[in-house]
C-alpha atoms as a PDB file:
ATOM      1  CA  SER A   1     224.216 -49.934-138.303  1.00  0.00           C
ATOM      2  CA  SER A   2     222.709 -47.072-140.246  1.00  0.00           C
ATOM      3  CA  ALA A   3     223.093 -44.601-137.351  1.00  0.00           C
ATOM      4  CA  ALA A   4     226.817 -45.340-137.087  1.00  0.00           C
ATOM      5  CA  SER A   5     227.159 -44.952-140.832  1.00  0.00           C
ATOM      6  CA  ASP A   6     225.418 -41.545-140.676  1.00  0.00           C
ATOM      7  CA  VAL A   7     227.740 -40.366-137.890  1.00  0.00           C
ATOM      8  CA  TYR A   8     230.754 -41.543-139.893  1.00  0.00           C
ATOM      9  CA  LYS A   9     229.511 -39.803-143.061  1.00  0.00           C
ATOM     10  CA  ARG A  10     228.806 -36.583-141.161  1.00  0.00           C
ATOM     11  CA  GLN A  11     232.268 -36.672-139.579  1.00  0.00           C
ATOM     12  CA  VAL A  12     233.932 -37.016-142.981  1.00  0.00           C
ATOM     13  CA  GLU A  13     231.817 -34.151-144.384  1.00  0.00           C
ATOM     14  CA  VAL A  14     232.869 -31.916-141.472  1.00  0.00           C
ATOM     15  CA  LEU A  15     236.530 -32.767-142.067  1.00  0.00           C
ATOM     16  CA  GLN A  16     236.179 -32.105-145.798  1.00  0.00           C
ATOM     17  CA  GLY A  17     234.540 -28.737-145.132  1.00  0.00           C
ATOM     18  CA  PHE A  18     237.329 -27.761-142.740  1.00  0.00           C
ATOM     19  CA  LEU A  19     239.934 -28.896-145.283  1.00  0.00           C
ATOM     20  CA  ARG A  20     238.411 -26.730-148.038  1.00  0.00           C
ATOM     21  CA  GLU A  21     238.360 -23.745-145.644  1.00  0.00           C
ATOM     22  CA  GLU A  22     242.009 -24.244-144.689  1.00  0.00           C
ATOM     23  CA  LEU A  23     243.119 -24.518-148.320  1.00  0.00           C
ATOM     24  CA  GLY A  24     241.219 -21.328-149.156  1.00  0.00           C
ATOM     25  CA  ASP A  25     242.712 -19.490-146.174  1.00  0.00           C
ATOM     26  CA  ALA A  26     246.212 -20.665-147.130  1.00  0.00           C
ATOM     27  CA  GLN A  27     245.681 -19.231-150.638  1.00  0.00           C
ATOM     28  CA  VAL A  28     244.413 -15.905-149.302  1.00  0.00           C
ATOM     29  CA  TYR A  29     247.340 -15.483-146.899  1.00  0.00           C
ATOM     30  CA  ALA A  30     249.876 -16.515-149.565  1.00  0.00           C
ATOM     31  CA  TYR A  31     248.389 -13.923-151.928  1.00  0.00           C
ATOM     32  CA  LEU A  32     248.458 -11.235-149.226  1.00  0.00           C
ATOM     33  CA  SER A  33     252.045 -12.112-148.390  1.00  0.00           C
ATOM     34  CA  SER A  34     253.047 -11.700-152.031  1.00  0.00           C
ATOM     35  CA  CYS A  35     251.413  -8.299-152.524  1.00  0.00           C
ATOM     36  CA  THR A  36     252.161  -6.640-149.188  1.00  0.00           C
ATOM     37  CA  PRO A  37     255.073  -4.197-149.367  1.00  0.00           C
ATOM     38  CA  ARG A  38     255.594  -4.066-145.583  1.00  0.00           C
ATOM     39  CA  ARG A  39     258.029  -6.836-144.632  1.00  0.00           C
ATOM     40  CA  GLU A  40     256.605  -7.436-141.158  1.00  0.00           C
ATOM     41  CA  LEU A  41     253.113  -7.900-142.571  1.00  0.00           C
ATOM     42  CA  ALA A  42     254.305 -10.080-145.458  1.00  0.00           C
ATOM     43  CA  ARG A  43     256.156 -12.314-142.994  1.00  0.00           C
ATOM     44  CA  ALA A  44     253.073 -12.631-140.765  1.00  0.00           C
ATOM     45  CA  PHE A  45     250.851 -13.515-143.744  1.00  0.00           C
ATOM     46  CA  ARG A  46     253.386 -16.085-144.969  1.00  0.00           C
ATOM     47  CA  ALA A  47     253.467 -17.732-141.519  1.00  0.00           C
ATOM     48  CA  LEU A  48     249.653 -17.799-141.413  1.00  0.00           C
ATOM     49  CA  SER A  49     249.591 -19.408-144.864  1.00  0.00           C
ATOM     50  CA  GLU A  50     252.042 -22.106-143.718  1.00  0.00           C
ATOM     51  CA  ASP A  51     249.910 -22.805-140.623  1.00  0.00           C
ATOM     52  CA  GLU A  52     246.779 -23.178-142.740  1.00  0.00           C
ATOM     53  CA  LYS A  53     248.605 -25.516-145.154  1.00  0.00           C
ATOM     54  CA  ARG A  54     249.692 -27.639-142.182  1.00  0.00           C
ATOM     55  CA  HIS A  55     246.083 -27.767-140.987  1.00  0.00           C
ATOM     56  CA  ALA A  56     244.991 -28.864-144.456  1.00  0.00           C
ATOM     57  CA  ARG A  57     247.594 -31.655-144.477  1.00  0.00           C
ATOM     58  CA  ASP A  58     246.487 -32.859-141.026  1.00  0.00           C
ATOM     59  CA  LEU A  59     242.829 -32.826-142.080  1.00  0.00           C
ATOM     60  CA  ALA A  60     243.639 -34.685-145.316  1.00  0.00           C
ATOM     61  CA  ALA A  61     245.481 -37.302-143.250  1.00  0.00           C
ATOM     62  CA  ALA A  62     242.505 -37.646-140.863  1.00  0.00           C
ATOM     63  CA  ILE A  63     240.133 -38.097-143.808  1.00  0.00           C
ATOM     64  CA  TYR A  64     242.403 -40.775-145.256  1.00  0.00           C
ATOM     65  CA  LEU A  65     242.649 -42.560-141.896  1.00  0.00           C
ATOM     66  CA  ILE A  66     238.856 -42.713-141.692  1.00  0.00           C
ATOM     67  CA  THR A  67     237.959 -43.475-145.310  1.00  0.00           C
ATOM     68  CA  GLY A  68     241.076 -45.023-146.824  1.00  0.00           C
ATOM     69  CA  LYS A  69     240.657 -42.571-149.722  1.00  0.00           C
ATOM     70  CA  ALA A  70     242.602 -39.424-150.540  1.00  0.00           C
ATOM     71  CA  TYR A  71     240.565 -36.230-150.613  1.00  0.00           C
ATOM     72  CA  CYS A  72     242.264 -33.437-152.556  1.00  0.00           C
ATOM     73  CA  PRO A  73     239.711 -30.758-153.454  1.00  0.00           C
ATOM     74  CA  ARG A  74     240.510 -27.994-155.916  1.00  0.00           C
ATOM     75  CA  VAL A  75     239.835 -24.774-154.106  1.00  0.00           C
ATOM     76  CA  CYS A  76     239.874 -21.389-155.788  1.00  0.00           C
ATOM     77  CA  VAL A  77     239.189 -18.337-153.688  1.00  0.00           C
ATOM     78  CA  GLU A  78     238.641 -14.766-154.706  1.00  0.00           C
ATOM     79  CA  GLN A  79     241.613 -12.520-154.065  1.00  0.00           C
ATOM     80  CA  PRO A  80     240.786 -10.172-151.212  1.00  0.00           C
ATOM     81  CA  ASP A  81     240.576  -6.422-151.702  1.00  0.00           C
ATOM     82  CA  THR A  82     243.766  -4.962-150.244  1.00  0.00           C
ATOM     83  CA  CYS A  83     242.813  -1.279-150.653  1.00  0.00           C
ATOM     84  CA  ASP A  84     241.547  -0.929-147.084  1.00  0.00           C
ATOM     85  CA  LEU A  85     244.004  -2.913-144.968  1.00  0.00           C
ATOM     86  CA  CYS A  86     242.170  -2.203-141.693  1.00  0.00           C
ATOM     87  CA  ALA A  87     238.890  -3.565-143.100  1.00  0.00           C
ATOM     88  CA  LEU A  88     240.735  -6.595-144.498  1.00  0.00           C
ATOM     89  CA  LEU A  89     242.450  -7.340-141.155  1.00  0.00           C
ATOM     90  CA  ARG A  90     239.080  -6.951-139.438  1.00  0.00           C
ATOM     91  CA  SER A  91     237.385  -9.505-141.707  1.00  0.00           C
ATOM     92  CA  LEU A  92     240.337 -11.919-141.432  1.00  0.00           C
ATOM     93  CA  TYR A  93     240.202 -11.573-137.635  1.00  0.00           C
ATOM     94  CA  HIS A  94     236.512 -12.486-137.594  1.00  0.00           C
ATOM     95  CA  ALA A  95     237.086 -15.463-139.914  1.00  0.00           C
ATOM     96  CA  GLU A  96     239.895 -16.810-137.689  1.00  0.00           C
ATOM     97  CA  ALA A  97     237.898 -16.343-134.473  1.00  0.00           C
ATOM     98  CA  CYS A  98     234.928 -18.064-136.098  1.00  0.00           C
ATOM     99  CA  ALA A  99     237.137 -20.957-137.237  1.00  0.00           C
ATOM    100  CA  GLY A 100     238.509 -21.261-133.704  1.00  0.00           C
ATOM    101  CA  TYR A 101     234.982 -21.553-132.368  1.00  0.00           C
ATOM    102  CA  ASN A 102     233.927 -24.047-135.060  1.00  0.00           C
ATOM    103  CA  TYR A 103     236.897 -26.324-134.356  1.00  0.00           C
ATOM    104  CA  ALA A 104     236.207 -26.160-130.609  1.00  0.00           C
ATOM    105  CA  ARG A 105     232.559 -27.060-131.177  1.00  0.00           C
ATOM    106  CA  ALA A 106     233.456 -29.923-133.552  1.00  0.00           C
ATOM    107  CA  GLY A 107     235.918 -31.198-130.948  1.00  0.00           C
ATOM    108  CA  GLU A 108     233.192 -31.259-128.293  1.00  0.00           C
ATOM    109  CA  GLU A 109     230.711 -32.982-130.591  1.00  0.00           C
ATOM    110  CA  THR A 110     232.885 -35.838-131.820  1.00  0.00           C
ATOM    111  CA  LEU A 111     233.146 -39.110-129.933  1.00  0.00           C
ATOM    112  CA  ASP A 112     236.521 -39.809-131.560  1.00  0.00           C
ATOM    113  CA  LEU A 113     239.262 -38.902-129.087  1.00  0.00           C
ATOM    114  CA  CYS A 114     241.911 -38.440-131.797  1.00  0.00           C
ATOM    115  CA  LEU A 115     239.702 -36.054-133.769  1.00  0.00           C
ATOM    116  CA  SER A 116     238.784 -34.238-130.580  1.00  0.00           C
ATOM    117  CA  LYS A 117     242.486 -33.615-129.856  1.00  0.00           C
ATOM    118  CA  LEU A 118     243.136 -32.543-133.452  1.00  0.00           C
ATOM    119  CA  PHE A 119     240.205 -30.101-133.415  1.00  0.00           C
ATOM    120  CA  ALA A 120     241.272 -28.672-130.037  1.00  0.00           C
ATOM    121  CA  ALA A 121     244.792 -28.001-131.328  1.00  0.00           C
ATOM    122  CA  MET A 122     243.441 -26.366-134.486  1.00  0.00           C
ATOM    123  CA  SER A 123     241.017 -24.270-132.467  1.00  0.00           C
ATOM    124  CA  GLU A 124     243.931 -23.004-130.406  1.00  0.00           C
ATOM    125  CA  ASP A 125     245.875 -22.152-133.592  1.00  0.00           C
ATOM    126  CA  GLU A 126     242.940 -20.260-135.112  1.00  0.00           C
ATOM    127  CA  TYR A 127     242.446 -18.198-131.935  1.00  0.00           C
ATOM    128  CA  ARG A 128     246.187 -17.473-131.962  1.00  0.00           C
ATOM    129  CA  HIS A 129     245.844 -16.309-135.589  1.00  0.00           C
ATOM    130  CA  ALA A 130     242.986 -14.009-134.541  1.00  0.00           C
ATOM    131  CA  GLU A 131     245.176 -12.514-131.793  1.00  0.00           C
ATOM    132  CA  LEU A 132     247.997 -11.906-134.271  1.00  0.00           C
ATOM    133  CA  LEU A 133     245.626 -10.203-136.713  1.00  0.00           C
ATOM    134  CA  MET A 134     244.309  -8.002-133.891  1.00  0.00           C
ATOM    135  CA  LYS A 135     247.880  -6.943-133.045  1.00  0.00           C
ATOM    136  CA  LEU A 136     248.606  -6.184-136.702  1.00  0.00           C
ATOM    137  CA  LEU A 137     245.398  -4.156-136.901  1.00  0.00           C
ATOM    138  CA  GLY A 138     246.337  -2.221-133.765  1.00  0.00           C
ATOM    139  CA  ARG A 139     249.755  -1.365-135.228  1.00  0.00           C
ATOM    140  CA  LYS A 140     248.183  -0.350-138.531  1.00  0.00           C
ATOM    141  CA  MET A 141     245.779   2.013-136.773  1.00  0.00           C
ATOM    142  CA  ASN A 142     248.653   3.879-135.062  1.00  0.00           C
ATOM    143  CA  VAL A 143     246.498   5.101-132.177  1.00  0.00           C
END
């Protein structure tokens, strides 16, 4: 039916949007890891980049399972301004918390149990990323 087809199309669009976000985030964290002199911070950014790449792979697999077609978007993101590290960590924190919320909401809205589980796991990861960024920010502030 047309309604089922619309739901299916919407689901794929949501997955594709999430995939583009994850690829962009992976690029940003990889860049930050490469230009951060502090080892602890570089290591944290590298781990975040690897997590986001794993998310992208899982989302690409989900898209393929649904459509039977590979979806490999070219994503180019602007390199973040690293002059004010506190402001950067703050904006990254908000982006991760927002992603956590968006995955949780997508998980509640889908009728597909497998996608629901995938989104829940990713939501948990994104909230964990936000917590890590908050800790890094706290250390950077040296209060």
